[in-house]
Amino acid sequence: MNYIILFNNTITLLSFAVNIFFILPYLYKVYKYFSQKRYIKKVLSFNDESIQIYQAANNYTSVEGFESEIVTYDSLEGLYNILNLLSLINKRFDFVNQSDTSKNEICIGGFLYNKRVNSYFINYFKHFKYYIDLKYKSYYEKITCYSTILEYTVDKYGFYINENRFLETIPDKTDYAFLIKLTPDDFNTKTYKTVHILFGGRAISTVKATEYLQTQYKEIYKKFNNGHYFFAIEINLIDNSFNHKKGIIDLTKDMFP
């Protein structure tokens, strides 16, 4: 009789252990899913309204003289990263060209090819400058979305933050991806919206900026909580990797005095 009881207890324990073995990974996935959604929502800080997505576009003039705007493959890749992120929290979005609304925004691309980003820099980040090779001056002056953000030079290239901070880039070796968040407190009007700007010096760096938001939202939240931010991540252009050793280069106090 004792053997039967021992056998039954053993089977029960084994059954319990097997169930735990299969249930724990499932419970972990459930926890990770809801934890993931929580961090994404906190970083994005969007209200219940749909999001306006502003995409960078290049001006193109055909042989016949017709002008149009085209979206590059790199730009679509960045958009793909953002849509994957929004799908995790079931967030509605709209694609727009130009409009002045109080809705939340995600702007992909820098101040040269994204008119919306250009206007934000002119109004909110006037001291930010992009030092670029003088030989490209004639090309960039033809861009419709041109502004005084560009400075031309022959020796030192990169991003001027203020008199004490300069993020130097090395041609074909290093660049920077920038991630910016504007909250309702940053607007002078009764605008209850949050704006995210993602861009880099090169097209691939813009893609990497969207990738960083898509994959490192938890680290971003740990660093900035629900507040605004302006930071950079160094990009290795040889293998298109993040410089995780250097990590987040926090420029928030420089850009939001």
Protein backbone atom coordinates (compact mmCIF):
# COMPACT_ATOMS: atom_id res chain seq x y z
CA MET A 1 0.00 0.00 0.00
CA ASN A 2 2.82 2.35 0.89
CA TYR A 3 4.41 1.72 -2.51
CA ILE A 4 1.17 2.68 -4.24
CA ILE A 5 0.96 5.93 -2.26
CA LEU A 6 4.62 6.68 -2.96
CA PHE A 7 4.09 5.96 -6.65
CA ASN A 8 1.04 8.23 -6.80
CA ASN A 9 2.88 11.03 -5.01
CA THR A 10 5.84 10.67 -7.36
CA ILE A 11 3.57 10.85 -10.42
CA THR A 12 1.83 13.90 -8.96
CA LEU A 13 5.15 15.68 -8.35
CA LEU A 14 6.41 14.79 -11.81
CA SER A 15 3.18 16.03 -13.37
CA PHE A 16 3.44 19.25 -11.37
CA ALA A 17 7.07 19.72 -12.42
CA VAL A 18 6.22 19.14 -16.09
CA ASN A 19 3.35 21.62 -15.92
CA ILE A 20 5.57 24.22 -14.26
CA PHE A 21 8.23 23.60 -16.94
CA PHE A 22 5.76 24.46 -19.68
CA ILE A 23 3.76 27.12 -17.84
CA LEU A 24 6.66 29.28 -16.60
CA PRO A 25 7.93 30.20 -20.11
CA TYR A 26 4.35 31.10 -21.07
CA LEU A 27 3.90 33.25 -17.97
CA TYR A 28 7.22 34.94 -18.69
CA LYS A 29 6.10 35.72 -22.23
CA VAL A 30 2.86 37.20 -20.90
CA TYR A 31 4.78 39.32 -18.37
CA LYS A 32 7.26 40.43 -21.03
CA TYR A 33 4.46 41.34 -23.42
CA PHE A 34 2.64 43.60 -20.95
CA SER A 35 5.89 45.01 -19.58
CA GLN A 36 6.99 45.75 -23.12
CA LYS A 37 3.76 47.57 -23.94
CA ARG A 38 3.99 49.57 -20.71
CA TYR A 39 7.50 50.87 -21.47
CA ILE A 40 6.65 51.70 -25.08
CA LYS A 41 3.57 53.68 -24.05
CA LYS A 42 5.53 55.56 -21.38
CA VAL A 43 8.34 56.51 -23.75
CA LEU A 44 6.03 57.59 -26.55
CA SER A 45 3.70 59.41 -24.10
CA PHE A 46 0.92 59.68 -26.67
CA ASN A 47 -2.70 60.38 -25.82
CA ASP A 48 -5.59 58.43 -27.33
CA GLU A 49 -5.63 60.36 -30.63
CA SER A 50 -4.10 58.92 -33.78
CA ILE A 51 -0.51 59.78 -34.64
CA GLN A 52 0.59 61.90 -37.56
CA ILE A 53 3.65 60.42 -39.27
CA TYR A 54 5.78 62.86 -41.25
CA GLN A 55 8.15 61.15 -43.65
CA ALA A 56 11.28 62.61 -45.24
CA ALA A 57 11.10 63.01 -49.02
CA ASN A 58 13.61 63.96 -51.70
CA ASN A 59 12.71 66.40 -54.45
CA TYR A 60 12.97 64.91 -57.93
CA THR A 61 12.75 66.64 -61.29
CA SER A 62 12.20 64.44 -64.34
CA VAL A 63 13.71 64.97 -67.76
CA GLU A 64 10.40 66.49 -68.82
CA GLY A 65 10.67 69.02 -66.01
CA PHE A 66 7.98 67.60 -63.73
CA GLU A 67 8.75 67.99 -60.03
CA SER A 68 7.76 65.43 -57.42
CA GLU A 69 8.77 64.11 -54.02
CA ILE A 70 10.12 60.58 -53.66
CA VAL A 71 10.66 58.41 -50.59
CA THR A 72 13.88 56.41 -50.55
CA TYR A 73 14.36 52.78 -49.53
CA ASP A 74 16.23 53.88 -46.38
CA SER A 75 13.32 56.10 -45.45
CA LEU A 76 10.89 53.20 -45.88
CA GLU A 77 13.10 50.99 -43.72
CA GLY A 78 12.95 53.57 -40.94
CA LEU A 79 9.20 53.78 -41.34
CA TYR A 80 8.97 49.99 -41.12
CA ASN A 81 10.73 50.09 -37.72
CA ILE A 82 8.29 52.68 -36.42
CA LEU A 83 5.21 50.84 -37.67
CA ASN A 84 6.44 47.66 -35.97
CA LEU A 85 6.77 49.60 -32.73
CA LEU A 86 3.28 51.12 -33.01
CA SER A 87 1.75 47.75 -33.81
CA LEU A 88 2.87 46.44 -30.41
CA ILE A 89 0.57 48.94 -28.69
CA ASN A 90 -2.16 48.92 -31.38
CA LYS A 91 -1.69 52.63 -32.07
CA ARG A 92 -3.56 54.28 -34.94
CA PHE A 93 -1.63 56.51 -37.32
CA ASP A 94 -2.01 58.67 -40.41
CA PHE A 95 0.50 59.61 -43.10
CA VAL A 96 0.58 63.33 -43.73
CA ASN A 97 2.63 65.81 -45.72
CA GLN A 98 2.22 69.15 -44.01
CA SER A 99 -0.38 70.26 -41.52
CA ASP A 100 -0.38 72.22 -38.31
CA THR A 101 -2.42 70.17 -35.90
CA SER A 102 -2.50 69.41 -32.21
CA LYS A 103 -2.14 65.69 -32.83
CA ASN A 104 0.85 63.63 -31.75
CA GLU A 105 3.66 63.31 -34.27
CA ILE A 106 6.50 61.04 -35.29
CA CYS A 107 8.86 62.75 -37.73
CA ILE A 108 11.33 60.56 -39.62
CA GLY A 109 14.28 62.24 -41.30
CA GLY A 110 16.32 65.35 -40.66
CA PHE A 111 15.92 69.06 -41.23
CA LEU A 112 17.03 68.88 -44.88
CA TYR A 113 14.46 66.44 -46.24
CA ASN A 114 11.65 66.67 -43.73
CA LYS A 115 9.95 70.07 -43.78
CA ARG A 116 8.25 69.44 -40.48
CA VAL A 117 11.56 68.71 -38.74
CA ASN A 118 13.07 71.76 -40.40
CA SER A 119 10.44 74.00 -38.82
CA TYR A 120 10.97 72.48 -35.36
CA PHE A 121 14.71 73.11 -35.51
CA ILE A 122 14.27 76.68 -36.65
CA ASN A 123 11.83 77.40 -33.83
CA TYR A 124 13.17 75.29 -30.97
CA PHE A 125 16.81 74.37 -31.62
CA LYS A 126 18.30 77.48 -33.17
CA HIS A 127 21.84 76.84 -31.88
CA PHE A 128 22.11 73.39 -33.44
CA LYS A 129 24.41 73.40 -36.50
CA TYR A 130 25.53 70.74 -38.95
CA TYR A 131 29.10 71.28 -40.21
CA ILE A 132 29.42 69.74 -43.66
CA ASP A 133 32.06 69.61 -46.40
CA LEU A 134 32.18 72.79 -48.50
CA LYS A 135 32.26 70.76 -51.72
CA TYR A 136 28.59 69.81 -51.19
CA LYS A 137 27.38 73.41 -50.89
CA SER A 138 25.97 73.73 -54.41
CA TYR A 139 24.00 70.51 -53.96
CA TYR A 140 22.47 71.37 -50.60
CA GLU A 141 21.53 74.89 -51.65
CA LYS A 142 19.21 73.35 -54.24
CA ILE A 143 17.22 71.51 -51.59
CA THR A 144 13.82 73.10 -50.97
CA CYS A 145 13.97 72.35 -47.27
CA TYR A 146 17.18 74.30 -46.81
CA SER A 147 17.83 76.48 -43.76
CA THR A 148 20.62 78.19 -41.87
CA ILE A 149 21.26 75.00 -39.88
CA LEU A 150 24.06 74.06 -42.27
CA GLU A 151 27.59 75.41 -41.91
CA TYR A 152 30.22 74.64 -44.57
CA THR A 153 33.79 73.79 -43.70
CA VAL A 154 36.89 72.15 -45.18
CA ASP A 155 38.41 70.42 -42.18
CA LYS A 156 36.11 69.50 -39.29
CA TYR A 157 32.71 67.87 -39.82
CA GLY A 158 29.93 67.05 -37.41
CA PHE A 159 27.23 68.53 -35.19
CA TYR A 160 27.69 71.71 -33.21
CA ILE A 161 25.65 71.71 -30.03
CA ASN A 162 27.07 74.75 -28.25
CA GLU A 163 30.46 76.32 -27.57
CA ASN A 164 31.41 73.38 -25.34
CA ARG A 165 30.04 70.44 -27.32
CA PHE A 166 30.83 69.28 -30.82
CA LEU A 167 30.08 65.76 -32.08
CA GLU A 168 32.69 65.18 -34.74
CA THR A 169 32.00 62.78 -37.59
CA ILE A 170 34.63 60.95 -39.64
CA PRO A 171 33.64 60.53 -43.30
CA ASP A 172 32.64 56.91 -44.09
CA LYS A 173 33.54 55.84 -40.55
CA THR A 174 31.33 57.50 -37.93
CA ASP A 175 28.06 59.38 -37.80
CA TYR A 176 25.32 60.07 -35.25
CA ALA A 177 21.69 59.14 -34.87
CA PHE A 178 19.54 61.64 -32.98
CA LEU A 179 16.37 60.99 -31.01
CA ILE A 180 14.29 63.95 -29.82
CA LYS A 181 11.11 64.14 -27.83
CA LEU A 182 9.03 67.28 -27.36
CA THR A 183 6.31 67.17 -24.71
CA PRO A 184 3.28 69.47 -24.25
CA ASP A 185 5.30 71.57 -21.78
CA ASP A 186 7.73 72.51 -24.57
CA PHE A 187 5.09 74.32 -26.62
CA ASN A 188 4.17 77.92 -25.90
CA THR A 189 0.55 77.41 -26.98
CA LYS A 190 -2.18 75.15 -25.62
CA THR A 191 -0.87 72.25 -27.65
CA TYR A 192 -1.33 68.97 -25.85
CA LYS A 193 0.76 66.83 -28.15
CA THR A 194 4.00 64.90 -28.03
CA VAL A 195 6.45 64.99 -30.93
CA HIS A 196 9.20 62.48 -31.69
CA ILE A 197 11.96 63.37 -34.17
CA LEU A 198 14.32 60.69 -35.49
CA PHE A 199 17.19 61.49 -37.83
CA GLY A 200 20.89 61.17 -38.55
CA GLY A 201 23.58 62.82 -40.62
CA ARG A 202 23.23 60.06 -43.20
CA ALA A 203 20.24 58.06 -44.37
CA ILE A 204 21.46 54.92 -42.60
CA SER A 205 21.81 56.89 -39.37
CA THR A 206 18.16 57.92 -39.60
CA VAL A 207 17.27 54.23 -39.96
CA LYS A 208 19.40 53.47 -36.90
CA ALA A 209 17.60 56.19 -34.93
CA THR A 210 14.25 54.47 -35.60
CA GLU A 211 15.84 51.12 -34.76
CA TYR A 212 17.11 52.45 -31.45
CA LEU A 213 13.65 53.65 -30.45
CA GLN A 214 12.15 50.35 -31.56
CA THR A 215 14.58 48.18 -29.58
CA GLN A 216 15.88 50.32 -26.70
CA TYR A 217 12.72 52.02 -25.44
CA LYS A 218 13.25 50.52 -21.99
CA GLU A 219 16.72 52.07 -21.69
CA ILE A 220 15.34 55.39 -22.94
CA TYR A 221 12.62 55.34 -20.30
CA LYS A 222 15.10 54.48 -17.53
CA LYS A 223 17.16 57.50 -18.58
CA PHE A 224 14.46 60.11 -19.19
CA ASN A 225 11.20 58.73 -17.72
CA ASN A 226 8.24 60.60 -19.26
CA GLY A 227 10.13 63.83 -19.88
CA HIS A 228 11.46 65.43 -23.02
CA TYR A 229 14.89 64.52 -24.35
CA PHE A 230 17.47 65.23 -27.02
CA PHE A 231 20.23 62.65 -27.34
CA ALA A 232 22.60 61.09 -29.84
CA ILE A 233 24.02 57.64 -30.46
CA GLU A 234 27.29 57.20 -32.34
CA ILE A 235 27.01 54.99 -35.43
CA ASN A 236 29.88 52.95 -36.86
CA LEU A 237 29.43 53.34 -40.62
CA ILE A 238 31.73 50.40 -41.39
CA ASP A 239 29.28 47.83 -40.02
CA ASN A 240 26.30 50.14 -39.26
CA SER A 241 26.38 49.30 -35.55
CA PHE A 242 25.63 51.33 -32.43
CA ASN A 243 28.48 52.38 -30.20
CA HIS A 244 26.90 50.86 -27.09
CA LYS A 245 30.14 51.38 -25.16
CA LYS A 246 29.75 55.15 -25.46
CA GLY A 247 25.99 54.81 -25.05
CA ILE A 248 23.49 57.64 -24.92
CA ILE A 249 25.06 61.06 -25.43
CA ASP A 250 22.63 63.22 -23.48
CA LEU A 251 22.18 66.69 -25.01
CA THR A 252 18.90 67.49 -23.30
CA LYS A 253 20.18 70.29 -21.06
CA ASP A 254 22.00 71.85 -24.02
CA MET A 255 18.92 71.84 -26.25
CA PHE A 256 16.29 72.58 -23.58
CA PRO A 257 17.88 75.35 -21.50
